[in-house]
Amino acid sequence: MQDINLKITDRNGDTHEIVAPTDMSMNLMEVIRSFELADEGTIGVCGGMAMCASCQVYITGGAEKLVPMDAEEDAMLSEAFHVEDNSRLSCQIRISPEIDGLEVAIAPYP
C-alpha cells in the first residue's frame, strides 16, 4: 500500500492537504466526498459516471502527472458551466502513485 499527498482547495478557498490511499480503487471525486470537502449533493451527482460535471476541478499543479482525458470526459466538459483550460472531471482521475503531489481546486457548483 502506498499513500499519496494531494492538495485540494475547496469552494470556500481553503486548501486541504490530504493523504489518500492508492489501494482502494478510488477516484478523486470519492476522495473529495470522503473528506467532506464539498457540500453533500453538490459533487458526484451522477455517481461518477462522467455525466454531470458536478465534480469538475481545476488542475492547479501537477497536470503532467495525469493521463489525457478521454472523449467522454471531453464531451461532458464541453457542455459544463465554469469550464477552464485546466478543467477535469475528478471522477475520471484515479488515485494512483503517479499523481502524488497533484493540486486541484474544486470548481463552483452550477
N, C-alpha and C. Protein backbone atom coordinates (compact mmCIF):
# COMPACT_ATOMS: atom_id res chain seq x y z
N MET A 1 0.84 -1.19 0.00
CA MET A 1 0.00 0.00 0.00
C MET A 1 0.88 1.25 0.00
N GLN A 2 0.48 2.21 -0.80
CA GLN A 2 1.19 3.48 -0.84
C GLN A 2 0.17 4.61 -0.76
N ASP A 3 0.36 5.50 0.17
CA ASP A 3 -0.49 6.68 0.26
C ASP A 3 0.15 7.80 -0.54
N ILE A 4 -0.69 8.69 -1.06
CA ILE A 4 -0.17 9.84 -1.81
C ILE A 4 -0.68 11.11 -1.16
N ASN A 5 0.00 12.20 -1.45
CA ASN A 5 -0.37 13.52 -0.94
C ASN A 5 -1.05 14.32 -2.04
N LEU A 6 -2.16 14.95 -1.68
CA LEU A 6 -2.91 15.80 -2.60
C LEU A 6 -3.20 17.12 -1.91
N LYS A 7 -3.26 18.19 -2.69
CA LYS A 7 -3.71 19.49 -2.17
C LYS A 7 -5.01 19.81 -2.88
N ILE A 8 -6.06 19.97 -2.10
CA ILE A 8 -7.38 20.23 -2.65
C ILE A 8 -7.91 21.51 -2.05
N THR A 9 -8.22 22.48 -2.91
CA THR A 9 -8.80 23.74 -2.48
C THR A 9 -10.31 23.63 -2.65
N ASP A 10 -11.04 23.85 -1.55
CA ASP A 10 -12.49 23.71 -1.60
C ASP A 10 -13.14 24.95 -2.21
N ARG A 11 -14.45 24.95 -2.29
CA ARG A 11 -15.18 26.06 -2.91
C ARG A 11 -15.16 27.34 -2.08
N ASN A 12 -14.70 27.24 -0.84
CA ASN A 12 -14.56 28.44 0.01
C ASN A 12 -13.16 29.03 -0.08
N GLY A 13 -12.27 28.39 -0.84
CA GLY A 13 -10.91 28.87 -0.99
C GLY A 13 -9.93 28.31 0.03
N ASP A 14 -10.38 27.39 0.89
CA ASP A 14 -9.50 26.78 1.88
C ASP A 14 -8.77 25.59 1.25
N THR A 15 -7.46 25.50 1.46
CA THR A 15 -6.67 24.40 0.90
C THR A 15 -6.46 23.34 1.97
N HIS A 16 -6.69 22.10 1.57
CA HIS A 16 -6.56 20.95 2.46
C HIS A 16 -5.47 20.04 1.93
N GLU A 17 -4.54 19.67 2.80
CA GLU A 17 -3.52 18.69 2.43
C GLU A 17 -4.03 17.33 2.84
N ILE A 18 -4.26 16.48 1.85
CA ILE A 18 -4.92 15.20 2.05
C ILE A 18 -3.93 14.07 1.79
N VAL A 19 -4.03 13.03 2.59
CA VAL A 19 -3.29 11.80 2.33
C VAL A 19 -4.32 10.78 1.89
N ALA A 20 -4.16 10.28 0.67
CA ALA A 20 -5.14 9.36 0.09
C ALA A 20 -4.50 8.01 -0.21
N PRO A 21 -5.23 6.92 0.04
CA PRO A 21 -4.69 5.59 -0.23
C PRO A 21 -4.79 5.24 -1.72
N THR A 22 -3.81 4.51 -2.20
CA THR A 22 -3.83 4.10 -3.61
C THR A 22 -4.33 2.67 -3.78
N ASP A 23 -4.64 1.99 -2.71
CA ASP A 23 -5.01 0.58 -2.80
C ASP A 23 -6.52 0.33 -2.67
N MET A 24 -7.33 1.36 -2.83
CA MET A 24 -8.77 1.20 -2.64
C MET A 24 -9.57 1.44 -3.92
N SER A 25 -8.89 1.58 -5.05
CA SER A 25 -9.56 1.81 -6.35
C SER A 25 -10.48 3.03 -6.30
N MET A 26 -10.02 4.08 -5.65
CA MET A 26 -10.82 5.30 -5.56
C MET A 26 -10.47 6.26 -6.69
N ASN A 27 -11.38 7.19 -6.93
CA ASN A 27 -11.07 8.31 -7.81
C ASN A 27 -11.07 9.58 -6.97
N LEU A 28 -10.64 10.67 -7.57
CA LEU A 28 -10.51 11.93 -6.83
C LEU A 28 -11.85 12.42 -6.30
N MET A 29 -12.92 12.23 -7.05
CA MET A 29 -14.24 12.64 -6.59
C MET A 29 -14.59 11.93 -5.28
N GLU A 30 -14.30 10.65 -5.19
CA GLU A 30 -14.60 9.89 -3.98
C GLU A 30 -13.76 10.38 -2.80
N VAL A 31 -12.53 10.77 -3.06
CA VAL A 31 -11.69 11.33 -2.01
C VAL A 31 -12.28 12.64 -1.51
N ILE A 32 -12.68 13.50 -2.43
CA ILE A 32 -13.29 14.78 -2.05
C ILE A 32 -14.54 14.55 -1.21
N ARG A 33 -15.36 13.59 -1.61
CA ARG A 33 -16.57 13.28 -0.85
C ARG A 33 -16.24 12.69 0.52
N SER A 34 -15.27 11.78 0.57
CA SER A 34 -14.97 11.12 1.84
C SER A 34 -14.39 12.09 2.87
N PHE A 35 -13.69 13.12 2.40
CA PHE A 35 -13.15 14.13 3.32
C PHE A 35 -14.13 15.30 3.51
N GLU A 36 -15.31 15.19 2.90
CA GLU A 36 -16.38 16.19 3.02
C GLU A 36 -15.89 17.59 2.67
N LEU A 37 -15.22 17.69 1.52
CA LEU A 37 -14.68 18.97 1.07
C LEU A 37 -15.66 19.75 0.20
N ALA A 38 -16.82 19.18 -0.07
CA ALA A 38 -17.88 19.86 -0.80
C ALA A 38 -19.21 19.49 -0.14
N ASP A 39 -20.16 20.39 -0.19
CA ASP A 39 -21.46 20.12 0.42
C ASP A 39 -22.09 18.88 -0.20
N GLU A 40 -22.75 18.10 0.63
CA GLU A 40 -23.46 16.91 0.19
C GLU A 40 -24.44 17.27 -0.94
N GLY A 41 -24.45 16.47 -1.97
CA GLY A 41 -25.36 16.69 -3.09
C GLY A 41 -24.85 17.68 -4.12
N THR A 42 -23.60 18.18 -3.95
CA THR A 42 -23.06 19.14 -4.92
C THR A 42 -21.84 18.60 -5.66
N ILE A 43 -21.49 17.36 -5.40
CA ILE A 43 -20.35 16.77 -6.10
C ILE A 43 -20.63 15.29 -6.33
N GLY A 44 -20.39 14.85 -7.56
CA GLY A 44 -20.64 13.46 -7.89
C GLY A 44 -22.11 13.12 -7.97
N VAL A 45 -22.90 14.05 -8.44
CA VAL A 45 -24.34 13.86 -8.52
C VAL A 45 -24.70 12.63 -9.35
N CYS A 46 -23.95 12.37 -10.42
CA CYS A 46 -24.23 11.22 -11.30
C CYS A 46 -23.57 9.94 -10.79
N GLY A 47 -22.90 10.01 -9.67
CA GLY A 47 -22.26 8.83 -9.12
C GLY A 47 -20.92 8.49 -9.74
N GLY A 48 -20.32 9.44 -10.44
CA GLY A 48 -19.00 9.22 -11.02
C GLY A 48 -19.03 8.60 -12.41
N MET A 49 -20.10 8.84 -13.14
CA MET A 49 -20.27 8.27 -14.48
C MET A 49 -19.87 9.25 -15.60
N ALA A 50 -19.28 10.38 -15.25
CA ALA A 50 -18.90 11.43 -16.22
C ALA A 50 -20.12 11.92 -17.00
N MET A 51 -21.24 12.10 -16.28
CA MET A 51 -22.47 12.51 -16.94
C MET A 51 -23.06 13.81 -16.41
N CYS A 52 -22.36 14.47 -15.44
CA CYS A 52 -22.98 15.68 -14.89
C CYS A 52 -22.02 16.84 -14.68
N ALA A 53 -20.75 16.59 -14.57
CA ALA A 53 -19.71 17.61 -14.35
C ALA A 53 -19.80 18.31 -13.00
N SER A 54 -20.60 17.77 -12.06
CA SER A 54 -20.65 18.38 -10.73
C SER A 54 -19.34 18.18 -9.97
N CYS A 55 -18.50 17.27 -10.44
CA CYS A 55 -17.21 17.00 -9.77
C CYS A 55 -16.04 17.69 -10.47
N GLN A 56 -16.35 18.67 -11.29
CA GLN A 56 -15.29 19.37 -12.03
C GLN A 56 -14.29 20.01 -11.07
N VAL A 57 -13.02 19.87 -11.41
CA VAL A 57 -11.94 20.52 -10.67
C VAL A 57 -11.04 21.23 -11.66
N TYR A 58 -10.27 22.18 -11.14
CA TYR A 58 -9.23 22.85 -11.91
C TYR A 58 -7.89 22.29 -11.44
N ILE A 59 -7.07 21.84 -12.37
CA ILE A 59 -5.76 21.32 -12.04
C ILE A 59 -4.83 22.51 -11.87
N THR A 60 -4.36 22.73 -10.65
CA THR A 60 -3.52 23.90 -10.37
C THR A 60 -2.05 23.55 -10.22
N GLY A 61 -1.75 22.26 -10.17
CA GLY A 61 -0.36 21.82 -10.09
C GLY A 61 -0.27 20.33 -10.36
N GLY A 62 0.69 19.95 -11.19
CA GLY A 62 0.91 18.54 -11.47
C GLY A 62 0.11 17.97 -12.62
N ALA A 63 -0.37 18.82 -13.51
CA ALA A 63 -1.18 18.34 -14.64
C ALA A 63 -0.46 17.30 -15.48
N GLU A 64 0.86 17.40 -15.54
CA GLU A 64 1.64 16.46 -16.35
C GLU A 64 1.59 15.05 -15.79
N LYS A 65 1.12 14.88 -14.57
CA LYS A 65 1.03 13.56 -13.94
C LYS A 65 -0.21 12.79 -14.39
N LEU A 66 -1.17 13.49 -14.97
CA LEU A 66 -2.45 12.88 -15.33
C LEU A 66 -2.42 12.26 -16.72
N VAL A 67 -3.21 11.21 -16.88
CA VAL A 67 -3.41 10.66 -18.22
C VAL A 67 -4.32 11.63 -18.97
N PRO A 68 -4.17 11.73 -20.27
CA PRO A 68 -5.03 12.63 -21.04
C PRO A 68 -6.51 12.25 -20.88
N MET A 69 -7.38 13.24 -20.96
CA MET A 69 -8.80 12.95 -20.84
C MET A 69 -9.28 12.20 -22.07
N ASP A 70 -10.28 11.34 -21.86
CA ASP A 70 -10.84 10.60 -22.98
C ASP A 70 -11.98 11.40 -23.60
N ALA A 71 -12.54 10.89 -24.67
CA ALA A 71 -13.58 11.59 -25.43
C ALA A 71 -14.83 11.84 -24.59
N GLU A 72 -15.18 10.90 -23.73
CA GLU A 72 -16.37 11.04 -22.89
C GLU A 72 -16.23 12.21 -21.92
N GLU A 73 -15.07 12.29 -21.28
CA GLU A 73 -14.82 13.39 -20.34
C GLU A 73 -14.80 14.73 -21.08
N ASP A 74 -14.14 14.77 -22.22
CA ASP A 74 -14.07 15.98 -23.02
C ASP A 74 -15.46 16.44 -23.45
N ALA A 75 -16.31 15.50 -23.86
CA ALA A 75 -17.67 15.84 -24.29
C ALA A 75 -18.48 16.41 -23.13
N MET A 76 -18.34 15.83 -21.95
CA MET A 76 -19.08 16.33 -20.78
C MET A 76 -18.62 17.73 -20.41
N LEU A 77 -17.32 17.96 -20.43
CA LEU A 77 -16.81 19.30 -20.10
C LEU A 77 -17.23 20.34 -21.14
N SER A 78 -17.43 19.92 -22.38
CA SER A 78 -17.83 20.88 -23.41
C SER A 78 -19.23 21.42 -23.16
N GLU A 79 -20.00 20.74 -22.31
CA GLU A 79 -21.37 21.16 -22.01
C GLU A 79 -21.51 21.74 -20.59
N ALA A 80 -20.43 21.76 -19.83
CA ALA A 80 -20.49 22.15 -18.42
C ALA A 80 -20.34 23.66 -18.23
N PHE A 81 -20.70 24.11 -17.04
CA PHE A 81 -20.51 25.51 -16.64
C PHE A 81 -19.13 25.68 -16.04
N HIS A 82 -18.62 26.90 -16.04
CA HIS A 82 -17.37 27.28 -15.36
C HIS A 82 -16.14 26.52 -15.87
N VAL A 83 -16.14 26.07 -17.11
CA VAL A 83 -15.01 25.30 -17.65
C VAL A 83 -13.84 26.22 -17.97
N GLU A 84 -12.66 25.79 -17.57
CA GLU A 84 -11.41 26.49 -17.86
C GLU A 84 -10.49 25.54 -18.63
N ASP A 85 -9.38 26.06 -19.12
CA ASP A 85 -8.42 25.23 -19.87
C ASP A 85 -7.87 24.09 -19.02
N ASN A 86 -7.84 24.28 -17.70
CA ASN A 86 -7.29 23.26 -16.81
C ASN A 86 -8.36 22.43 -16.11
N SER A 87 -9.58 22.41 -16.66
CA SER A 87 -10.68 21.66 -16.07
C SER A 87 -10.55 20.16 -16.34
N ARG A 88 -10.92 19.38 -15.34
CA ARG A 88 -11.03 17.92 -15.46
C ARG A 88 -12.20 17.46 -14.59
N LEU A 89 -12.72 16.29 -14.88
CA LEU A 89 -13.72 15.68 -14.01
C LEU A 89 -12.99 14.83 -12.98
N SER A 90 -13.21 15.12 -11.71
CA SER A 90 -12.47 14.39 -10.67
C SER A 90 -12.86 12.92 -10.62
N CYS A 91 -14.04 12.56 -11.12
CA CYS A 91 -14.44 11.15 -11.14
C CYS A 91 -13.61 10.34 -12.14
N GLN A 92 -12.92 11.02 -13.03
CA GLN A 92 -12.12 10.35 -14.05
C GLN A 92 -10.63 10.31 -13.69
N ILE A 93 -10.28 10.82 -12.52
CA ILE A 93 -8.88 10.83 -12.08
C ILE A 93 -8.71 9.74 -11.02
N ARG A 94 -8.06 8.66 -11.40
CA ARG A 94 -7.83 7.53 -10.50
C ARG A 94 -6.74 7.89 -9.47
N ILE A 95 -6.94 7.48 -8.24
CA ILE A 95 -5.94 7.69 -7.20
C ILE A 95 -4.86 6.62 -7.38
N SER A 96 -3.69 7.07 -7.77
CA SER A 96 -2.57 6.16 -8.04
C SER A 96 -1.27 6.84 -7.63
N PRO A 97 -0.20 6.06 -7.46
CA PRO A 97 1.08 6.66 -7.07
C PRO A 97 1.56 7.73 -8.06
N GLU A 98 1.16 7.62 -9.31
CA GLU A 98 1.62 8.56 -10.34
C GLU A 98 1.14 9.99 -10.11
N ILE A 99 0.04 10.17 -9.38
CA ILE A 99 -0.49 11.53 -9.20
C ILE A 99 -0.10 12.14 -7.85
N ASP A 100 0.85 11.53 -7.16
CA ASP A 100 1.31 12.07 -5.88
C ASP A 100 1.71 13.54 -6.07
N GLY A 101 1.21 14.41 -5.21
CA GLY A 101 1.53 15.83 -5.28
C GLY A 101 0.58 16.65 -6.13
N LEU A 102 -0.45 16.02 -6.71
CA LEU A 102 -1.42 16.73 -7.54
C LEU A 102 -2.10 17.82 -6.71
N GLU A 103 -2.35 18.96 -7.36
CA GLU A 103 -3.04 20.08 -6.71
C GLU A 103 -4.25 20.45 -7.55
N VAL A 104 -5.41 20.54 -6.90
CA VAL A 104 -6.64 20.87 -7.61
C VAL A 104 -7.46 21.87 -6.79
N ALA A 105 -8.36 22.55 -7.48
CA ALA A 105 -9.35 23.40 -6.85
C ALA A 105 -10.72 22.95 -7.35
N ILE A 106 -11.65 22.79 -6.44
CA ILE A 106 -13.00 22.35 -6.83
C ILE A 106 -13.72 23.51 -7.51
N ALA A 107 -14.26 23.25 -8.69
CA ALA A 107 -14.96 24.27 -9.47
C ALA A 107 -16.27 24.65 -8.78
N PRO A 108 -16.78 25.86 -9.04
CA PRO A 108 -18.06 26.25 -8.46
C PRO A 108 -19.17 25.29 -8.90
N TYR A 109 -20.16 25.13 -8.06
CA TYR A 109 -21.31 24.29 -8.41
C TYR A 109 -22.30 25.16 -9.18
N PRO A 110 -22.80 24.63 -10.28
CA PRO A 110 -23.74 25.44 -11.08
C PRO A 110 -24.86 25.96 -10.26
